[in-house]
Amino acid sequence: MPSTPPTPFVLRGEFIPLDALLKAASLCSSGGAAKMLIVDGGVLVDGVVETRRTRKVRAGQRVDVDGVCLLVQAEAEAADPA
């Protein structure tokens, strides 16, 4: 269970590679740091450990890293207040 409230991450396309997501969300300072975190098993995608750095993350998925939870949203979802 994450220690912080879920943080929305707005996706600007169909998907984002997992390592790029971690860098874009400022959870890692570099692509190399993201790769190491993923390879070491420090990232969960939808509650399952993910070790593929190029894993395609799509809208509706949840990514957990070190007590931080990202909820990936489509750009249209984020713009819709309903």
N, C-alpha and C. Protein backbone atom coordinates (compact mmCIF):
# COMPACT_ATOMS: atom_id res chain seq x y z
N MET A 1 0.84 -1.18 0.00
CA MET A 1 0.00 0.00 0.00
C MET A 1 0.88 1.24 0.00
N PRO A 2 0.67 2.16 -0.90
CA PRO A 2 1.51 3.35 -0.95
C PRO A 2 1.29 4.24 0.27
N SER A 3 2.36 4.96 0.65
CA SER A 3 2.27 5.81 1.83
C SER A 3 1.75 7.21 1.48
N THR A 4 1.67 7.55 0.21
CA THR A 4 1.17 8.85 -0.21
C THR A 4 -0.08 8.65 -1.07
N PRO A 5 -0.92 9.68 -1.17
CA PRO A 5 -2.10 9.56 -2.05
C PRO A 5 -1.66 9.36 -3.49
N PRO A 6 -2.46 8.68 -4.30
CA PRO A 6 -2.10 8.48 -5.71
C PRO A 6 -1.93 9.81 -6.44
N THR A 7 -0.93 9.86 -7.29
CA THR A 7 -0.64 11.05 -8.09
C THR A 7 -1.02 10.77 -9.54
N PRO A 8 -1.85 11.59 -10.14
CA PRO A 8 -2.18 11.36 -11.55
C PRO A 8 -1.01 11.72 -12.45
N PHE A 9 -0.82 10.92 -13.49
CA PHE A 9 0.17 11.22 -14.53
C PHE A 9 -0.57 11.21 -15.85
N VAL A 10 -0.57 12.35 -16.55
CA VAL A 10 -1.33 12.49 -17.79
C VAL A 10 -0.47 12.01 -18.97
N LEU A 11 -1.00 11.03 -19.65
CA LEU A 11 -0.35 10.41 -20.80
C LEU A 11 -0.66 11.22 -22.05
N ARG A 12 0.33 11.53 -22.85
CA ARG A 12 0.11 12.35 -24.04
C ARG A 12 0.12 11.53 -25.33
N GLY A 13 0.00 10.26 -25.22
CA GLY A 13 -0.04 9.38 -26.38
C GLY A 13 -0.71 8.08 -25.97
N GLU A 14 -0.50 7.04 -26.76
CA GLU A 14 -1.11 5.75 -26.46
C GLU A 14 -0.44 5.06 -25.27
N PHE A 15 0.90 5.24 -25.15
CA PHE A 15 1.63 4.61 -24.05
C PHE A 15 2.92 5.39 -23.81
N ILE A 16 3.60 5.02 -22.70
CA ILE A 16 4.93 5.56 -22.40
C ILE A 16 5.76 4.40 -21.86
N PRO A 17 7.01 4.26 -22.30
CA PRO A 17 7.86 3.22 -21.73
C PRO A 17 8.06 3.46 -20.23
N LEU A 18 8.13 2.39 -19.48
CA LEU A 18 8.21 2.48 -18.02
C LEU A 18 9.39 3.35 -17.57
N ASP A 19 10.57 3.16 -18.15
CA ASP A 19 11.71 3.96 -17.72
C ASP A 19 11.51 5.45 -18.01
N ALA A 20 10.88 5.76 -19.13
CA ALA A 20 10.59 7.16 -19.47
C ALA A 20 9.55 7.75 -18.52
N LEU A 21 8.59 6.94 -18.10
CA LEU A 21 7.58 7.40 -17.15
C LEU A 21 8.23 7.78 -15.83
N LEU A 22 9.12 6.95 -15.33
CA LEU A 22 9.78 7.23 -14.05
C LEU A 22 10.57 8.53 -14.12
N LYS A 23 11.23 8.76 -15.25
CA LYS A 23 12.00 9.99 -15.42
C LYS A 23 11.06 11.19 -15.57
N ALA A 24 10.02 11.05 -16.39
CA ALA A 24 9.08 12.16 -16.63
C ALA A 24 8.33 12.56 -15.36
N ALA A 25 8.08 11.58 -14.48
CA ALA A 25 7.37 11.86 -13.23
C ALA A 25 8.32 12.27 -12.11
N SER A 26 9.59 12.45 -12.45
CA SER A 26 10.64 12.85 -11.49
C SER A 26 10.82 11.85 -10.36
N LEU A 27 10.59 10.58 -10.64
CA LEU A 27 10.84 9.54 -9.64
C LEU A 27 12.26 9.03 -9.74
N CYS A 28 12.93 9.33 -10.85
CA CYS A 28 14.34 9.00 -11.06
C CYS A 28 15.00 10.20 -11.73
N SER A 29 16.25 10.43 -11.39
CA SER A 29 16.95 11.60 -11.92
C SER A 29 17.45 11.40 -13.34
N SER A 30 17.56 10.13 -13.77
CA SER A 30 18.06 9.87 -15.12
C SER A 30 17.49 8.56 -15.64
N GLY A 31 17.66 8.35 -16.93
CA GLY A 31 17.22 7.09 -17.52
C GLY A 31 17.99 5.91 -16.96
N GLY A 32 19.27 6.12 -16.68
CA GLY A 32 20.10 5.06 -16.10
C GLY A 32 19.62 4.67 -14.71
N ALA A 33 19.25 5.66 -13.91
CA ALA A 33 18.73 5.38 -12.57
C ALA A 33 17.41 4.63 -12.66
N ALA A 34 16.58 5.03 -13.63
CA ALA A 34 15.29 4.35 -13.83
C ALA A 34 15.52 2.90 -14.21
N LYS A 35 16.45 2.67 -15.13
CA LYS A 35 16.76 1.30 -15.57
C LYS A 35 17.19 0.44 -14.39
N MET A 36 18.08 0.95 -13.56
CA MET A 36 18.57 0.18 -12.41
C MET A 36 17.45 -0.13 -11.42
N LEU A 37 16.59 0.84 -11.17
CA LEU A 37 15.48 0.64 -10.24
C LEU A 37 14.55 -0.45 -10.76
N ILE A 38 14.28 -0.41 -12.06
CA ILE A 38 13.38 -1.41 -12.67
C ILE A 38 14.02 -2.79 -12.64
N VAL A 39 15.26 -2.88 -13.10
CA VAL A 39 15.96 -4.17 -13.16
C VAL A 39 16.10 -4.79 -11.77
N ASP A 40 16.26 -3.95 -10.75
CA ASP A 40 16.41 -4.44 -9.38
C ASP A 40 15.07 -4.82 -8.75
N GLY A 41 13.96 -4.69 -9.49
CA GLY A 41 12.66 -5.11 -8.98
C GLY A 41 11.98 -4.10 -8.08
N GLY A 42 12.35 -2.83 -8.21
CA GLY A 42 11.80 -1.80 -7.34
C GLY A 42 10.55 -1.12 -7.86
N VAL A 43 9.97 -1.65 -8.94
CA VAL A 43 8.80 -0.99 -9.54
C VAL A 43 7.67 -2.02 -9.70
N LEU A 44 6.47 -1.61 -9.31
CA LEU A 44 5.28 -2.45 -9.50
C LEU A 44 4.38 -1.79 -10.54
N VAL A 45 3.87 -2.58 -11.46
CA VAL A 45 2.87 -2.12 -12.42
C VAL A 45 1.62 -2.94 -12.16
N ASP A 46 0.55 -2.28 -11.77
CA ASP A 46 -0.70 -2.95 -11.40
C ASP A 46 -0.48 -4.03 -10.34
N GLY A 47 0.41 -3.74 -9.38
CA GLY A 47 0.65 -4.62 -8.26
C GLY A 47 1.61 -5.76 -8.51
N VAL A 48 2.22 -5.83 -9.70
CA VAL A 48 3.14 -6.91 -10.05
C VAL A 48 4.52 -6.32 -10.33
N VAL A 49 5.57 -6.94 -9.78
CA VAL A 49 6.93 -6.47 -10.03
C VAL A 49 7.21 -6.51 -11.53
N GLU A 50 7.74 -5.40 -12.05
CA GLU A 50 8.05 -5.31 -13.49
C GLU A 50 9.54 -5.05 -13.65
N THR A 51 10.22 -5.90 -14.41
CA THR A 51 11.66 -5.75 -14.61
C THR A 51 12.02 -5.38 -16.05
N ARG A 52 11.02 -5.15 -16.89
CA ARG A 52 11.28 -4.72 -18.28
C ARG A 52 11.21 -3.20 -18.34
N ARG A 53 12.32 -2.57 -18.63
CA ARG A 53 12.36 -1.10 -18.62
C ARG A 53 11.54 -0.48 -19.74
N THR A 54 11.35 -1.21 -20.83
CA THR A 54 10.59 -0.66 -21.95
C THR A 54 9.13 -1.11 -21.93
N ARG A 55 8.69 -1.64 -20.80
CA ARG A 55 7.29 -2.04 -20.65
C ARG A 55 6.39 -0.86 -21.02
N LYS A 56 5.41 -1.10 -21.88
CA LYS A 56 4.49 -0.04 -22.29
C LYS A 56 3.44 0.18 -21.20
N VAL A 57 3.42 1.37 -20.65
CA VAL A 57 2.44 1.73 -19.63
C VAL A 57 1.35 2.55 -20.31
N ARG A 58 0.11 2.14 -20.10
CA ARG A 58 -1.03 2.77 -20.77
C ARG A 58 -1.99 3.38 -19.75
N ALA A 59 -2.91 4.19 -20.25
CA ALA A 59 -3.91 4.82 -19.39
C ALA A 59 -4.66 3.75 -18.61
N GLY A 60 -4.94 4.04 -17.35
CA GLY A 60 -5.66 3.12 -16.49
C GLY A 60 -4.75 2.25 -15.64
N GLN A 61 -3.46 2.28 -15.92
CA GLN A 61 -2.54 1.47 -15.13
C GLN A 61 -1.99 2.25 -13.95
N ARG A 62 -1.54 1.49 -12.95
CA ARG A 62 -0.99 2.05 -11.72
C ARG A 62 0.46 1.63 -11.60
N VAL A 63 1.33 2.57 -11.25
CA VAL A 63 2.75 2.28 -11.07
C VAL A 63 3.15 2.71 -9.66
N ASP A 64 3.74 1.78 -8.91
CA ASP A 64 4.19 2.06 -7.54
C ASP A 64 5.70 1.97 -7.46
N VAL A 65 6.32 3.01 -6.84
CA VAL A 65 7.76 3.07 -6.66
C VAL A 65 8.04 3.70 -5.31
N ASP A 66 8.74 2.99 -4.45
CA ASP A 66 9.18 3.55 -3.16
C ASP A 66 8.09 4.32 -2.41
N GLY A 67 6.90 3.75 -2.31
CA GLY A 67 5.81 4.38 -1.58
C GLY A 67 5.06 5.45 -2.35
N VAL A 68 5.43 5.69 -3.60
CA VAL A 68 4.74 6.66 -4.44
C VAL A 68 3.91 5.90 -5.46
N CYS A 69 2.65 6.30 -5.60
CA CYS A 69 1.74 5.66 -6.55
C CYS A 69 1.38 6.64 -7.65
N LEU A 70 1.59 6.22 -8.90
CA LEU A 70 1.18 7.02 -10.06
C LEU A 70 -0.03 6.34 -10.70
N LEU A 71 -1.05 7.11 -10.98
CA LEU A 71 -2.20 6.61 -11.73
C LEU A 71 -2.13 7.24 -13.11
N VAL A 72 -1.92 6.42 -14.11
CA VAL A 72 -1.74 6.92 -15.47
C VAL A 72 -3.11 7.18 -16.09
N GLN A 73 -3.29 8.38 -16.61
CA GLN A 73 -4.55 8.80 -17.20
C GLN A 73 -4.35 9.25 -18.64
N ALA A 74 -5.35 9.00 -19.46
CA ALA A 74 -5.33 9.54 -20.82
C ALA A 74 -5.51 11.04 -20.75
N GLU A 75 -4.98 11.75 -21.71
CA GLU A 75 -5.08 13.21 -21.72
C GLU A 75 -6.55 13.66 -21.69
N ALA A 76 -7.42 12.96 -22.40
CA ALA A 76 -8.84 13.31 -22.43
C ALA A 76 -9.49 13.12 -21.06
N GLU A 77 -9.10 12.07 -20.32
CA GLU A 77 -9.63 11.82 -18.98
C GLU A 77 -9.28 12.96 -18.04
N ALA A 78 -8.04 13.41 -18.12
CA ALA A 78 -7.57 14.46 -17.22
C ALA A 78 -8.29 15.78 -17.49
N ALA A 79 -8.67 16.01 -18.73
CA ALA A 79 -9.35 17.26 -19.09
C ALA A 79 -10.83 17.23 -18.74
N ASP A 80 -11.40 16.05 -18.60
CA ASP A 80 -12.84 15.89 -18.32
C ASP A 80 -13.08 15.96 -16.82
N PRO A 81 -13.77 16.98 -16.33
CA PRO A 81 -13.99 17.14 -14.88
C PRO A 81 -14.96 16.12 -14.30
N ALA A 82 -15.71 15.39 -15.11
CA ALA A 82 -16.69 14.43 -14.61
C ALA A 82 -16.10 13.16 -14.13
